[in-house]
C-alpha atoms as a PDB file:
ATOM      1  CA  MET A   1      -3.675  50.889   5.098  1.00  0.00           C
ATOM      2  CA  ASP A   2      -4.022  50.071   8.620  1.00  0.00           C
ATOM      3  CA  ALA A   3      -4.691  46.428  10.075  1.00  0.00           C
ATOM      4  CA  GLU A   4      -8.425  46.564   9.937  1.00  0.00           C
ATOM      5  CA  GLN A   5      -8.966  47.803   6.357  1.00  0.00           C
ATOM      6  CA  SER A   6      -6.043  44.936   5.479  1.00  0.00           C
ATOM      7  CA  ARG A   7      -7.768  42.169   7.096  1.00  0.00           C
ATOM      8  CA  ARG A   8     -10.984  43.913   5.527  1.00  0.00           C
ATOM      9  CA  ARG A   9      -9.480  43.690   2.352  1.00  0.00           C
ATOM     10  CA  TYR A  10      -9.032  39.853   2.875  1.00  0.00           C
ATOM     11  CA  ASP A  11     -11.401  38.661   4.414  1.00  0.00           C
ATOM     12  CA  SER A  12     -13.565  37.597   0.773  1.00  0.00           C
ATOM     13  CA  LEU A  13     -10.449  35.393   0.097  1.00  0.00           C
ATOM     14  CA  ARG A  14      -9.937  33.977   3.483  1.00  0.00           C
ATOM     15  CA  ARG A  15     -13.529  33.117   3.439  1.00  0.00           C
ATOM     16  CA  THR A  16     -13.174  31.631   0.113  1.00  0.00           C
ATOM     17  CA  THR A  17     -10.179  29.646   0.912  1.00  0.00           C
ATOM     18  CA  GLN A  18     -11.959  28.438   4.298  1.00  0.00           C
ATOM     19  CA  ALA A  19     -14.563  27.035   2.332  1.00  0.00           C
ATOM     20  CA  MET A  20     -13.143  25.662  -0.108  1.00  0.00           C
ATOM     21  CA  GLU A  21     -10.841  23.765   3.290  1.00  0.00           C
ATOM     22  CA  THR A  22     -14.483  22.635   3.967  1.00  0.00           C
ATOM     23  CA  ARG A  23     -15.163  21.107   0.595  1.00  0.00           C
ATOM     24  CA  ALA A  24     -11.493  19.046   0.519  1.00  0.00           C
ATOM     25  CA  GLU A  25     -12.069  17.558   3.703  1.00  0.00           C
ATOM     26  CA  ILE A  26     -16.151  16.662   3.301  1.00  0.00           C
ATOM     27  CA  ALA A  27     -14.608  14.976   0.305  1.00  0.00           C
ATOM     28  CA  ARG A  28     -11.586  12.677   1.713  1.00  0.00           C
ATOM     29  CA  ALA A  29     -13.915  12.094   4.872  1.00  0.00           C
ATOM     30  CA  ALA A  30     -16.484  10.499   1.953  1.00  0.00           C
ATOM     31  CA  ARG A  31     -13.343   8.901   0.132  1.00  0.00           C
ATOM     32  CA  ARG A  32     -12.282   6.930   3.406  1.00  0.00           C
ATOM     33  CA  LEU A  33     -15.695   5.998   4.652  1.00  0.00           C
ATOM     34  CA  PHE A  34     -16.616   4.594   1.013  1.00  0.00           C
ATOM     35  CA  ASP A  35     -13.426   3.002   0.669  1.00  0.00           C
ATOM     36  CA  THR A  36     -13.563   1.097   4.470  1.00  0.00           C
ATOM     37  CA  LYS A  37     -17.750   0.667   4.385  1.00  0.00           C
ATOM     38  CA  GLY A  38     -18.504   0.786   1.081  1.00  0.00           C
ATOM     39  CA  TRP A  39     -21.870   3.349  -0.901  1.00  0.00           C
ATOM     40  CA  ALA A  40     -24.694   1.979   0.652  1.00  0.00           C
ATOM     41  CA  GLU A  41     -24.039   1.449   3.580  1.00  0.00           C
ATOM     42  CA  THR A  42     -22.539   5.042   4.064  1.00  0.00           C
ATOM     43  CA  THR A  43     -24.893   8.428   5.297  1.00  0.00           C
ATOM     44  CA  VAL A  44     -24.790  11.679   4.808  1.00  0.00           C
ATOM     45  CA  ARG A  45     -24.351  11.401   8.767  1.00  0.00           C
ATOM     46  CA  GLU A  46     -22.049   9.705   9.290  1.00  0.00           C
ATOM     47  CA  VAL A  47     -19.713  11.739   6.423  1.00  0.00           C
ATOM     48  CA  ALA A  48     -20.351  14.973   8.546  1.00  0.00           C
ATOM     49  CA  ARG A  49     -19.363  13.241  11.855  1.00  0.00           C
ATOM     50  CA  GLU A  50     -15.963  12.265   9.386  1.00  0.00           C
ATOM     51  CA  ALA A  51     -14.771  15.654   8.451  1.00  0.00           C
ATOM     52  CA  GLY A  52     -16.348  17.543  11.599  1.00  0.00           C
ATOM     53  CA  VAL A  53     -19.293  19.554  10.163  1.00  0.00           C
ATOM     54  CA  SER A  54     -22.463  19.689  10.182  1.00  0.00           C
ATOM     55  CA  VAL A  55     -24.613  18.242   8.814  1.00  0.00           C
ATOM     56  CA  PRO A  56     -26.472  20.889   6.330  1.00  0.00           C
ATOM     57  CA  THR A  57     -22.647  22.288   5.721  1.00  0.00           C
ATOM     58  CA  VAL A  58     -22.278  18.944   3.536  1.00  0.00           C
ATOM     59  CA  TYR A  59     -25.373  19.367   1.929  1.00  0.00           C
ATOM     60  CA  ALA A  60     -24.460  23.120   1.274  1.00  0.00           C
ATOM     61  CA  ALA A  61     -21.461  21.951   0.149  1.00  0.00           C
ATOM     62  CA  TYR A  62     -22.711  18.053  -1.949  1.00  0.00           C
ATOM     63  CA  GLY A  63     -26.091  18.185  -2.323  1.00  0.00           C
ATOM     64  CA  ASN A  64     -26.756  14.815  -1.855  1.00  0.00           C
ATOM     65  CA  LYS A  65     -24.644  11.069  -1.579  1.00  0.00           C
ATOM     66  CA  VAL A  66     -24.673  10.631  -4.850  1.00  0.00           C
ATOM     67  CA  GLY A  67     -22.688  14.741  -5.302  1.00  0.00           C
ATOM     68  CA  LEU A  68     -20.238  13.965  -2.717  1.00  0.00           C
ATOM     69  CA  THR A  69     -19.692  10.788  -4.975  1.00  0.00           C
ATOM     70  CA  ARG A  70     -18.806  13.068  -8.252  1.00  0.00           C
ATOM     71  CA  ALA A  71     -17.195  15.542  -5.093  1.00  0.00           C
ATOM     72  CA  VAL A  72     -14.461  12.381  -4.821  1.00  0.00           C
ATOM     73  CA  ALA A  73     -14.433  11.463  -8.505  1.00  0.00           C
ATOM     74  CA  ASP A  74     -13.409  14.887  -9.333  1.00  0.00           C
ATOM     75  CA  SER A  75     -10.663  14.454  -6.784  1.00  0.00           C
ATOM     76  CA  ALA A  76      -9.318  11.276  -8.628  1.00  0.00           C
ATOM     77  CA  ASP A  77      -9.257  13.802 -11.412  1.00  0.00           C
ATOM     78  CA  LEU A  78      -7.378  15.632  -9.938  1.00  0.00           C
ATOM     79  CA  ALA A  79      -4.675  13.881  -7.937  1.00  0.00           C
ATOM     80  CA  ALA A  80      -3.839  12.058 -11.211  1.00  0.00           C
ATOM     81  CA  ASP A  81      -2.525  15.673 -12.498  1.00  0.00           C
ATOM     82  CA  ALA A  82      -4.419  15.980 -16.096  1.00  0.00           C
ATOM     83  CA  ALA A  83      -2.578  19.232 -16.374  1.00  0.00           C
ATOM     84  CA  GLN A  84       1.024  17.414 -16.571  1.00  0.00           C
ATOM     85  CA  MET A  85      -0.271  14.615 -19.499  1.00  0.00           C
ATOM     86  CA  VAL A  86      -2.335  17.743 -21.299  1.00  0.00           C
ATOM     87  CA  ALA A  87       1.785  19.535 -20.961  1.00  0.00           C
ATOM     88  CA  GLU A  88       3.550  16.571 -22.301  1.00  0.00           C
ATOM     89  CA  LEU A  89       0.913  16.155 -24.577  1.00  0.00           C
ATOM     90  CA  GLU A  90       1.749  19.231 -26.303  1.00  0.00           C
ATOM     91  CA  ALA A  91       5.495  18.696 -26.403  1.00  0.00           C
ATOM     92  CA  ALA A  92       5.585  16.166 -28.111  1.00  0.00           C
ATOM     93  CA  ALA A  93       2.822  16.876 -30.466  1.00  0.00           C
ATOM     94  CA  ALA A  94       5.152  15.372 -33.259  1.00  0.00           C
ATOM     95  CA  ASP A  95       5.890  11.795 -31.833  1.00  0.00           C
ATOM     96  CA  PRO A  96       2.071  10.166 -31.621  1.00  0.00           C
ATOM     97  CA  GLU A  97       4.351   7.570 -29.863  1.00  0.00           C
ATOM     98  CA  ARG A  98       5.446  10.215 -26.536  1.00  0.00           C
ATOM     99  CA  GLN A  99       1.781  10.975 -26.916  1.00  0.00           C
ATOM    100  CA  LEU A 100       0.186   7.387 -26.263  1.00  0.00           C
ATOM    101  CA  ALA A 101       2.777   7.022 -23.606  1.00  0.00           C
ATOM    102  CA  ALA A 102       2.686  10.411 -21.875  1.00  0.00           C
ATOM    103  CA  MET A 103      -1.572   8.627 -22.064  1.00  0.00           C
ATOM    104  CA  ALA A 104      -0.569   6.051 -20.085  1.00  0.00           C
ATOM    105  CA  ALA A 105       1.382   8.199 -18.087  1.00  0.00           C
ATOM    106  CA  TYR A 106      -2.084   9.462 -16.647  1.00  0.00           C
ATOM    107  CA  ASP A 107      -3.930   5.984 -16.775  1.00  0.00           C
ATOM    108  CA  ARG A 108      -1.407   4.400 -14.370  1.00  0.00           C
ATOM    109  CA  ARG A 109      -1.261   7.888 -11.616  1.00  0.00           C
ATOM    110  CA  LEU A 110      -5.019   7.765 -12.331  1.00  0.00           C
ATOM    111  CA  PHE A 111      -5.178   3.931 -11.434  1.00  0.00           C
ATOM    112  CA  GLU A 112      -2.616   3.975  -8.453  1.00  0.00           C
ATOM    113  CA  ARG A 113      -3.580   7.203  -6.786  1.00  0.00           C
ATOM    114  CA  ALA A 114      -7.569   6.473  -7.141  1.00  0.00           C
ATOM    115  CA  GLY A 115      -8.442   3.394  -8.230  1.00  0.00           C
ATOM    116  CA  ASP A 116     -10.242   2.245  -5.290  1.00  0.00           C
ATOM    117  CA  VAL A 117     -12.491   5.325  -6.265  1.00  0.00           C
ATOM    118  CA  ILE A 118     -12.857   3.769 -10.028  1.00  0.00           C
ATOM    119  CA  LEU A 119     -14.068   0.514  -8.638  1.00  0.00           C
ATOM    120  CA  LEU A 120     -16.404   2.107  -5.833  1.00  0.00           C
ATOM    121  CA  ILE A 121     -18.242   3.673  -7.720  1.00  0.00           C
ATOM    122  CA  ARG A 122     -18.442   1.069 -11.074  1.00  0.00           C
ATOM    123  CA  ASP A 123     -19.534  -1.834  -8.393  1.00  0.00           C
ATOM    124  CA  GLY A 124     -22.395   1.319  -6.714  1.00  0.00           C
ATOM    125  CA  SER A 125     -23.101   2.071 -10.616  1.00  0.00           C
ATOM    126  CA  ARG A 126     -24.640  -1.504 -10.516  1.00  0.00           C
ATOM    127  CA  ASN A 127     -27.417  -0.556  -8.576  1.00  0.00           C
ATOM    128  CA  GLU A 128     -27.693   3.331  -8.291  1.00  0.00           C
ATOM    129  CA  PRO A 129     -28.304   4.927 -11.908  1.00  0.00           C
ATOM    130  CA  GLU A 130     -26.680   8.491 -11.074  1.00  0.00           C
ATOM    131  CA  LEU A 131     -23.534   7.105  -9.801  1.00  0.00           C
ATOM    132  CA  ALA A 132     -23.526   4.762 -13.308  1.00  0.00           C
ATOM    133  CA  THR A 133     -24.516   8.522 -15.011  1.00  0.00           C
ATOM    134  CA  THR A 134     -20.983   9.542 -13.050  1.00  0.00           C
ATOM    135  CA  TYR A 135     -18.665   6.090 -14.463  1.00  0.00           C
ATOM    136  CA  SER A 136     -20.003   6.563 -18.116  1.00  0.00           C
ATOM    137  CA  ASP A 137     -19.155  10.145 -18.014  1.00  0.00           C
ATOM    138  CA  GLY A 138     -15.647   9.569 -16.570  1.00  0.00           C
ATOM    139  CA  ARG A 139     -15.377   6.829 -19.417  1.00  0.00           C
ATOM    140  CA  LYS A 140     -16.755   9.720 -21.945  1.00  0.00           C
ATOM    141  CA  ARG A 141     -14.623  11.837 -20.261  1.00  0.00           C
ATOM    142  CA  GLY A 142     -11.159   9.681 -21.298  1.00  0.00           C
ATOM    143  CA  ASP A 143     -12.639   8.738 -24.881  1.00  0.00           C
ATOM    144  CA  GLU A 144     -12.652  11.983 -25.415  1.00  0.00           C
ATOM    145  CA  THR A 145      -8.819  12.466 -25.207  1.00  0.00           C
ATOM    146  CA  ARG A 146      -8.302   9.173 -26.818  1.00  0.00           C
ATOM    147  CA  ILE A 147     -11.001  10.908 -30.193  1.00  0.00           C
ATOM    148  CA  GLN A 148      -8.902  14.726 -29.999  1.00  0.00           C
ATOM    149  CA  VAL A 149      -4.940  12.756 -30.211  1.00  0.00           C
ATOM    150  CA  PHE A 150      -5.300  10.670 -32.204  1.00  0.00           C
ATOM    151  CA  SER A 151      -7.180  13.293 -34.554  1.00  0.00           C
ATOM    152  CA  SER A 152      -4.354  15.242 -34.301  1.00  0.00           C
ATOM    153  CA  TRP A 153      -2.016  12.735 -36.200  1.00  0.00           C
ATOM    154  CA  PRO A 154      -1.038  12.804 -39.588  1.00  0.00           C
ATOM    155  CA  PRO A 155      -3.144  10.272 -42.002  1.00  0.00           C
ATOM    156  CA  GLY A 156      -0.718   7.062 -41.918  1.00  0.00           C
ATOM    157  CA  THR A 157      -0.121   6.833 -38.474  1.00  0.00           C
ATOM    158  CA  LEU A 158      -2.444   4.400 -37.437  1.00  0.00           C
ATOM    159  CA  ARG A 159      -2.136   0.933 -38.658  1.00  0.00           C
ATOM    160  CA  THR A 160      -3.667  -0.531 -41.669  1.00  0.00           C
ATOM    161  CA  GLY A 161      -7.073  -1.180 -40.588  1.00  0.00           C
ATOM    162  CA  LEU A 162      -7.788   0.982 -37.740  1.00  0.00           C
ATOM    163  CA  ASP A 163     -10.083   3.367 -37.735  1.00  0.00           C
ATOM    164  CA  LEU A 164     -10.000   6.558 -34.575  1.00  0.00           C
ATOM    165  CA  GLN A 165     -12.826   4.899 -33.395  1.00  0.00           C
ATOM    166  CA  THR A 166     -11.580   1.968 -33.055  1.00  0.00           C
ATOM    167  CA  ALA A 167      -8.635   2.946 -32.259  1.00  0.00           C
ATOM    168  CA  VAL A 168      -9.520   3.946 -28.922  1.00  0.00           C
ATOM    169  CA  ASP A 169     -11.541   0.528 -28.427  1.00  0.00           C
ATOM    170  CA  VAL A 170      -8.385  -1.190 -28.581  1.00  0.00           C
ATOM    171  CA  TYR A 171      -6.658   1.446 -25.898  1.00  0.00           C
ATOM    172  CA  ALA A 172      -9.229   1.371 -23.422  1.00  0.00           C
ATOM    173  CA  ALA A 173      -9.120  -2.293 -23.910  1.00  0.00           C
ATOM    174  CA  ILE A 174      -5.224  -2.226 -23.165  1.00  0.00           C
ATOM    175  CA  CYS A 175      -5.297   0.989 -20.098  1.00  0.00           C
ATOM    176  CA  ASN A 176      -7.918  -0.011 -17.536  1.00  0.00           C
ATOM    177  CA  ILE A 177      -8.730  -1.257 -14.567  1.00  0.00           C
ATOM    178  CA  ASP A 178      -8.799  -3.908 -14.480  1.00  0.00           C
ATOM    179  CA  VAL A 179      -5.729  -4.876 -16.009  1.00  0.00           C
ATOM    180  CA  TYR A 180      -3.492  -2.792 -13.826  1.00  0.00           C
ATOM    181  CA  THR A 181      -4.730  -4.385 -10.374  1.00  0.00           C
ATOM    182  CA  THR A 182      -4.183  -7.507 -12.354  1.00  0.00           C
ATOM    183  CA  LEU A 183      -1.025  -6.881 -12.773  1.00  0.00           C
ATOM    184  CA  SER A 184      -0.417  -5.165  -9.919  1.00  0.00           C
ATOM    185  CA  THR A 185      -1.829  -7.589  -7.189  1.00  0.00           C
ATOM    186  CA  GLU A 186      -1.623 -11.529  -8.708  1.00  0.00           C
ATOM    187  CA  ARG A 187       0.900 -10.390 -10.919  1.00  0.00           C
ATOM    188  CA  GLY A 188       3.000  -8.118  -8.392  1.00  0.00           C
ATOM    189  CA  TRP A 189       4.316  -5.567 -11.130  1.00  0.00           C
ATOM    190  CA  THR A 190       4.820  -1.920 -10.085  1.00  0.00           C
ATOM    191  CA  PRO A 191       3.311   0.867 -11.574  1.00  0.00           C
ATOM    192  CA  ASP A 192       5.854   1.856 -12.946  1.00  0.00           C
ATOM    193  CA  ARG A 193       6.205  -1.675 -14.643  1.00  0.00           C
ATOM    194  CA  ILE A 194       3.291  -1.322 -16.135  1.00  0.00           C
ATOM    195  CA  GLU A 195       3.566   2.368 -17.383  1.00  0.00           C
ATOM    196  CA  GLU A 196       6.031   0.921 -19.006  1.00  0.00           C
ATOM    197  CA  TRP A 197       4.433  -2.328 -20.895  1.00  0.00           C
ATOM    198  CA  TRP A 198       1.231  -0.270 -21.684  1.00  0.00           C
ATOM    199  CA  GLY A 199       3.758   2.302 -23.569  1.00  0.00           C
ATOM    200  CA  GLN A 200       5.129  -0.114 -25.574  1.00  0.00           C
ATOM    201  CA  ALA A 201       1.698  -2.303 -26.566  1.00  0.00           C
ATOM    202  CA  LEU A 202      -0.251   0.890 -27.374  1.00  0.00           C
ATOM    203  CA  ALA A 203       2.659   1.428 -29.573  1.00  0.00           C
ATOM    204  CA  ARG A 204       2.871  -1.737 -31.299  1.00  0.00           C
ATOM    205  CA  GLU A 205      -1.197  -2.141 -31.637  1.00  0.00           C
ATOM    206  CA  LEU A 206      -1.975   1.080 -32.792  1.00  0.00           C
ATOM    207  CA  LEU A 207       0.821   3.015 -35.065  1.00  0.00           C
ATOM    208  CA  SER A 208       2.290   2.053 -38.415  1.00  0.00           C
ATOM    209  CA  ARG A 209       5.566   0.719 -38.651  1.00  0.00           C
ATOM    210  CA  THR A 210       5.226   1.752 -42.160  1.00  0.00           C
END
């Protein structure tokens, strides 16, 4: 195979990679502007300028500003490394306490690396129905993970009197962005300390000790 044939062979892969890099840069630019200016005050034109691309390129990649916000939300999930949580859940399949610790570790990573995105989407959802949907979808994904994990435990694992939905509610009351922000910002806790306390509190509140 000569050099020209070799180049043509990888043209498609090169174009795909370049397109992914462009989408990622647009999402990063949107996140920077959302953080500094707020969602409502940021325009697609400004995102394009910040990313160094044309306005049509932004629309082709994400459709509109709500689409950009969904991309930023997806990048938040990726930043928290859901694959690591899944691997840890599988490794601790016979140990509910370790599984709770794995979920708490994921939430710590999510809030530590992308708490600004979560707050932006939540705050914007009060006035923007499409952002409300994005925020609600994220909450539902979290609940679905907890339901799947808790449902896999043997009968009697949950504390007496706790049904599945209540257990999910208790988890959400303990591990959430507001608790993380209060402890890290107002109380000076480190992320490590928050994660450790979450693991202990979840085990204490959710698991049977008999």
